[in-house]
Amino acid sequence: IHTWIEYSYATVDVYTCGDHSDPWKATEYIIENLKPKKYSIGYANRTQEL
């Protein structure tokens, strides 16, 4: 979690590894528990075929 208190702003990065992790479930948990007034979600697929 990265915070900028002077702007009442925070960002959260959710990183996962492998197929057993669900980043969307983690994101829902964070939103439900931190209860932000507003939020936006960005997604970057960094998967590479080896």
PDB file of N, CA and C in Angstrom:
ATOM      1  N   ILE A   1       0.858  -1.172   0.000  1.00  0.00           N
ATOM      2  CA  ILE A   1       0.000   0.000   0.000  1.00  0.00           C
ATOM      3  C   ILE A   1       0.902   1.232   0.000  1.00  0.00           C
ATOM      4  N   HIS A   2       0.646   2.128  -0.916  1.00  0.00           N
ATOM      5  CA  HIS A   2       1.381   3.389  -1.009  1.00  0.00           C
ATOM      6  C   HIS A   2       0.400   4.503  -0.652  1.00  0.00           C
ATOM      7  N   THR A   3       0.784   5.378   0.265  1.00  0.00           N
ATOM      8  CA  THR A   3      -0.140   6.422   0.713  1.00  0.00           C
ATOM      9  C   THR A   3       0.447   7.817   0.531  1.00  0.00           C
ATOM     10  N   TRP A   4      -0.443   8.744   0.239  1.00  0.00           N
ATOM     11  CA  TRP A   4      -0.155  10.167   0.183  1.00  0.00           C
ATOM     12  C   TRP A   4      -1.224  10.834   1.042  1.00  0.00           C
ATOM     13  N   ILE A   5      -0.951  10.929   2.312  1.00  0.00           N
ATOM     14  CA  ILE A   5      -1.927  11.431   3.275  1.00  0.00           C
ATOM     15  C   ILE A   5      -2.337  12.868   2.954  1.00  0.00           C
ATOM     16  N   GLU A   6      -1.389  13.664   2.496  1.00  0.00           N
ATOM     17  CA  GLU A   6      -1.699  15.065   2.194  1.00  0.00           C
ATOM     18  C   GLU A   6      -2.721  15.211   1.066  1.00  0.00           C
ATOM     19  N   TYR A   7      -2.899  14.151   0.269  1.00  0.00           N
ATOM     20  CA  TYR A   7      -3.890  14.156  -0.812  1.00  0.00           C
ATOM     21  C   TYR A   7      -5.072  13.227  -0.529  1.00  0.00           C
ATOM     22  N   SER A   8      -5.092  12.625   0.657  1.00  0.00           N
ATOM     23  CA  SER A   8      -6.122  11.622   0.992  1.00  0.00           C
ATOM     24  C   SER A   8      -6.183  10.555  -0.100  1.00  0.00           C
ATOM     25  N   TYR A   9      -5.006  10.030  -0.461  1.00  0.00           N
ATOM     26  CA  TYR A   9      -4.882   9.131  -1.603  1.00  0.00           C
ATOM     27  C   TYR A   9      -4.010   7.935  -1.243  1.00  0.00           C
ATOM     28  N   ALA A  10      -4.407   6.784  -1.732  1.00  0.00           N
ATOM     29  CA  ALA A  10      -3.601   5.576  -1.538  1.00  0.00           C
ATOM     30  C   ALA A  10      -3.709   4.692  -2.771  1.00  0.00           C
ATOM     31  N   THR A  11      -2.662   3.941  -3.033  1.00  0.00           N
ATOM     32  CA  THR A  11      -2.698   2.931  -4.091  1.00  0.00           C
ATOM     33  C   THR A  11      -2.315   1.591  -3.484  1.00  0.00           C
ATOM     34  N   VAL A  12      -2.845   0.534  -4.071  1.00  0.00           N
ATOM     35  CA  VAL A  12      -2.540  -0.821  -3.616  1.00  0.00           C
ATOM     36  C   VAL A  12      -2.156  -1.643  -4.837  1.00  0.00           C
ATOM     37  N   ASP A  13      -1.037  -2.332  -4.756  1.00  0.00           N
ATOM     38  CA  ASP A  13      -0.609  -3.234  -5.821  1.00  0.00           C
ATOM     39  C   ASP A  13      -0.868  -4.666  -5.369  1.00  0.00           C
ATOM     40  N   VAL A  14      -1.499  -5.454  -6.235  1.00  0.00           N
ATOM     41  CA  VAL A  14      -1.732  -6.875  -5.945  1.00  0.00           C
ATOM     42  C   VAL A  14      -0.957  -7.676  -6.983  1.00  0.00           C
ATOM     43  N   TYR A  15       0.044  -8.403  -6.526  1.00  0.00           N
ATOM     44  CA  TYR A  15       0.838  -9.258  -7.409  1.00  0.00           C
ATOM     45  C   TYR A  15       0.558 -10.709  -7.059  1.00  0.00           C
ATOM     46  N   THR A  16       0.457 -11.560  -8.061  1.00  0.00           N
ATOM     47  CA  THR A  16       0.266 -12.987  -7.821  1.00  0.00           C
ATOM     48  C   THR A  16       1.239 -13.778  -8.685  1.00  0.00           C
ATOM     49  N   CYS A  17       1.410 -15.024  -8.322  1.00  0.00           N
ATOM     50  CA  CYS A  17       2.302 -15.903  -9.059  1.00  0.00           C
ATOM     51  C   CYS A  17       1.645 -17.272  -9.183  1.00  0.00           C
ATOM     52  N   GLY A  18       1.477 -17.739 -10.384  1.00  0.00           N
ATOM     53  CA  GLY A  18       0.898 -19.059 -10.599  1.00  0.00           C
ATOM     54  C   GLY A  18      -0.609 -19.015 -10.739  1.00  0.00           C
ATOM     55  N   ASP A  19      -1.165 -20.164 -11.089  1.00  0.00           N
ATOM     56  CA  ASP A  19      -2.605 -20.271 -11.315  1.00  0.00           C
ATOM     57  C   ASP A  19      -3.421 -20.442 -10.042  1.00  0.00           C
ATOM     58  N   HIS A  20      -2.756 -20.700  -8.919  1.00  0.00           N
ATOM     59  CA  HIS A  20      -3.481 -20.949  -7.669  1.00  0.00           C
ATOM     60  C   HIS A  20      -3.903 -19.666  -6.956  1.00  0.00           C
ATOM     61  N   SER A  21      -3.451 -18.520  -7.410  1.00  0.00           N
ATOM     62  CA  SER A  21      -3.787 -17.237  -6.787  1.00  0.00           C
ATOM     63  C   SER A  21      -4.860 -16.523  -7.597  1.00  0.00           C
ATOM     64  N   ASP A  22      -5.738 -15.825  -6.904  1.00  0.00           N
ATOM     65  CA  ASP A  22      -6.811 -15.085  -7.573  1.00  0.00           C
ATOM     66  C   ASP A  22      -6.698 -13.606  -7.222  1.00  0.00           C
ATOM     67  N   PRO A  23      -6.097 -12.790  -8.098  1.00  0.00           N
ATOM     68  CA  PRO A  23      -5.927 -11.378  -7.781  1.00  0.00           C
ATOM     69  C   PRO A  23      -7.251 -10.641  -7.618  1.00  0.00           C
ATOM     70  N   TRP A  24      -8.300 -11.082  -8.309  1.00  0.00           N
ATOM     71  CA  TRP A  24      -9.601 -10.416  -8.198  1.00  0.00           C
ATOM     72  C   TRP A  24     -10.209 -10.649  -6.824  1.00  0.00           C
ATOM     73  N   LYS A  25     -10.008 -11.828  -6.264  1.00  0.00           N
ATOM     74  CA  LYS A  25     -10.504 -12.109  -4.912  1.00  0.00           C
ATOM     75  C   LYS A  25      -9.777 -11.226  -3.894  1.00  0.00           C
ATOM     76  N   ALA A  26      -8.482 -11.073  -4.070  1.00  0.00           N
ATOM     77  CA  ALA A  26      -7.708 -10.202  -3.185  1.00  0.00           C
ATOM     78  C   ALA A  26      -8.164  -8.754  -3.317  1.00  0.00           C
ATOM     79  N   THR A  27      -8.426  -8.325  -4.540  1.00  0.00           N
ATOM     80  CA  THR A  27      -8.886  -6.957  -4.782  1.00  0.00           C
ATOM     81  C   THR A  27     -10.233  -6.703  -4.117  1.00  0.00           C
ATOM     82  N   GLU A  28     -11.158  -7.640  -4.261  1.00  0.00           N
ATOM     83  CA  GLU A  28     -12.468  -7.517  -3.605  1.00  0.00           C
ATOM     84  C   GLU A  28     -12.312  -7.422  -2.093  1.00  0.00           C
ATOM     85  N   TYR A  29     -11.430  -8.229  -1.524  1.00  0.00           N
ATOM     86  CA  TYR A  29     -11.195  -8.213  -0.077  1.00  0.00           C
ATOM     87  C   TYR A  29     -10.686  -6.838   0.369  1.00  0.00           C
ATOM     88  N   ILE A  30      -9.735  -6.301  -0.362  1.00  0.00           N
ATOM     89  CA  ILE A  30      -9.170  -4.995  -0.017  1.00  0.00           C
ATOM     90  C   ILE A  30     -10.243  -3.911  -0.074  1.00  0.00           C
ATOM     91  N   ILE A  31     -11.050  -3.903  -1.129  1.00  0.00           N
ATOM     92  CA  ILE A  31     -12.108  -2.897  -1.276  1.00  0.00           C
ATOM     93  C   ILE A  31     -13.139  -3.021  -0.161  1.00  0.00           C
ATOM     94  N   GLU A  32     -13.563  -4.245   0.136  1.00  0.00           N
ATOM     95  CA  GLU A  32     -14.572  -4.462   1.177  1.00  0.00           C
ATOM     96  C   GLU A  32     -14.075  -4.043   2.557  1.00  0.00           C
ATOM     97  N   ASN A  33     -12.787  -4.223   2.829  1.00  0.00           N
ATOM     98  CA  ASN A  33     -12.272  -3.940   4.163  1.00  0.00           C
ATOM     99  C   ASN A  33     -11.732  -2.530   4.341  1.00  0.00           C
ATOM    100  N   LEU A  34     -11.177  -1.935   3.298  1.00  0.00           N
ATOM    101  CA  LEU A  34     -10.694  -0.555   3.419  1.00  0.00           C
ATOM    102  C   LEU A  34     -11.791   0.467   3.158  1.00  0.00           C
ATOM    103  N   LYS A  35     -12.860   0.038   2.468  1.00  0.00           N
ATOM    104  CA  LYS A  35     -14.026   0.878   2.205  1.00  0.00           C
ATOM    105  C   LYS A  35     -13.667   2.256   1.623  1.00  0.00           C
ATOM    106  N   PRO A  36     -12.984   2.264   0.488  1.00  0.00           N
ATOM    107  CA  PRO A  36     -12.647   3.558  -0.116  1.00  0.00           C
ATOM    108  C   PRO A  36     -13.896   4.268  -0.633  1.00  0.00           C
ATOM    109  N   LYS A  37     -13.855   5.599  -0.637  1.00  0.00           N
ATOM    110  CA  LYS A  37     -14.968   6.373  -1.201  1.00  0.00           C
ATOM    111  C   LYS A  37     -15.034   6.179  -2.709  1.00  0.00           C
ATOM    112  N   LYS A  38     -13.871   6.099  -3.339  1.00  0.00           N
ATOM    113  CA  LYS A  38     -13.779   5.870  -4.786  1.00  0.00           C
ATOM    114  C   LYS A  38     -12.610   4.922  -5.021  1.00  0.00           C
ATOM    115  N   TYR A  39     -12.686   4.181  -6.114  1.00  0.00           N
ATOM    116  CA  TYR A  39     -11.548   3.363  -6.502  1.00  0.00           C
ATOM    117  C   TYR A  39     -11.578   3.102  -7.999  1.00  0.00           C
ATOM    118  N   SER A  40     -10.424   2.788  -8.532  1.00  0.00           N
ATOM    119  CA  SER A  40     -10.322   2.355  -9.924  1.00  0.00           C
ATOM    120  C   SER A  40      -9.375   1.160  -9.952  1.00  0.00           C
ATOM    121  N   ILE A  41      -9.551   0.322 -10.959  1.00  0.00           N
ATOM    122  CA  ILE A  41      -8.748  -0.891 -11.065  1.00  0.00           C
ATOM    123  C   ILE A  41      -8.030  -0.887 -12.408  1.00  0.00           C
ATOM    124  N   GLY A  42      -6.730  -1.113 -12.362  1.00  0.00           N
ATOM    125  CA  GLY A  42      -5.931  -1.277 -13.570  1.00  0.00           C
ATOM    126  C   GLY A  42      -5.367  -2.688 -13.577  1.00  0.00           C
ATOM    127  N   TYR A  43      -5.171  -3.235 -14.755  1.00  0.00           N
ATOM    128  CA  TYR A  43      -4.684  -4.608 -14.862  1.00  0.00           C
ATOM    129  C   TYR A  43      -3.528  -4.662 -15.852  1.00  0.00           C
ATOM    130  N   ALA A  44      -2.432  -5.279 -15.441  1.00  0.00           N
ATOM    131  CA  ALA A  44      -1.282  -5.479 -16.325  1.00  0.00           C
ATOM    132  C   ALA A  44      -0.932  -6.959 -16.316  1.00  0.00           C
ATOM    133  N   ASN A  45      -1.110  -7.618 -17.441  1.00  0.00           N
ATOM    134  CA  ASN A  45      -0.761  -9.027 -17.556  1.00  0.00           C
ATOM    135  C   ASN A  45       0.712  -9.117 -17.929  1.00  0.00           C
ATOM    136  N   ARG A  46       1.513  -9.597 -17.012  1.00  0.00           N
ATOM    137  CA  ARG A  46       2.958  -9.682 -17.245  1.00  0.00           C
ATOM    138  C   ARG A  46       3.405 -11.120 -17.488  1.00  0.00           C
ATOM    139  N   THR A  47       2.480 -11.945 -17.927  1.00  0.00           N
ATOM    140  CA  THR A  47       2.782 -13.342 -18.196  1.00  0.00           C
ATOM    141  C   THR A  47       3.648 -13.453 -19.446  1.00  0.00           C
ATOM    142  N   GLN A  48       4.677 -14.268 -19.352  1.00  0.00           N
ATOM    143  CA  GLN A  48       5.527 -14.530 -20.509  1.00  0.00           C
ATOM    144  C   GLN A  48       5.602 -16.028 -20.740  1.00  0.00           C
ATOM    145  N   GLU A  49       5.536 -16.421 -21.980  1.00  0.00           N
ATOM    146  CA  GLU A  49       5.747 -17.820 -22.334  1.00  0.00           C
ATOM    147  C   GLU A  49       7.247 -18.076 -22.326  1.00  0.00           C
ATOM    148  N   LEU A  50       7.653 -19.133 -21.658  1.00  0.00           N
ATOM    149  CA  LEU A  50       9.083 -19.465 -21.616  1.00  0.00           C
ATOM    150  C   LEU A  50       9.404 -20.541 -22.612  1.00  0.00           C
TER     151      LEU A  50
END
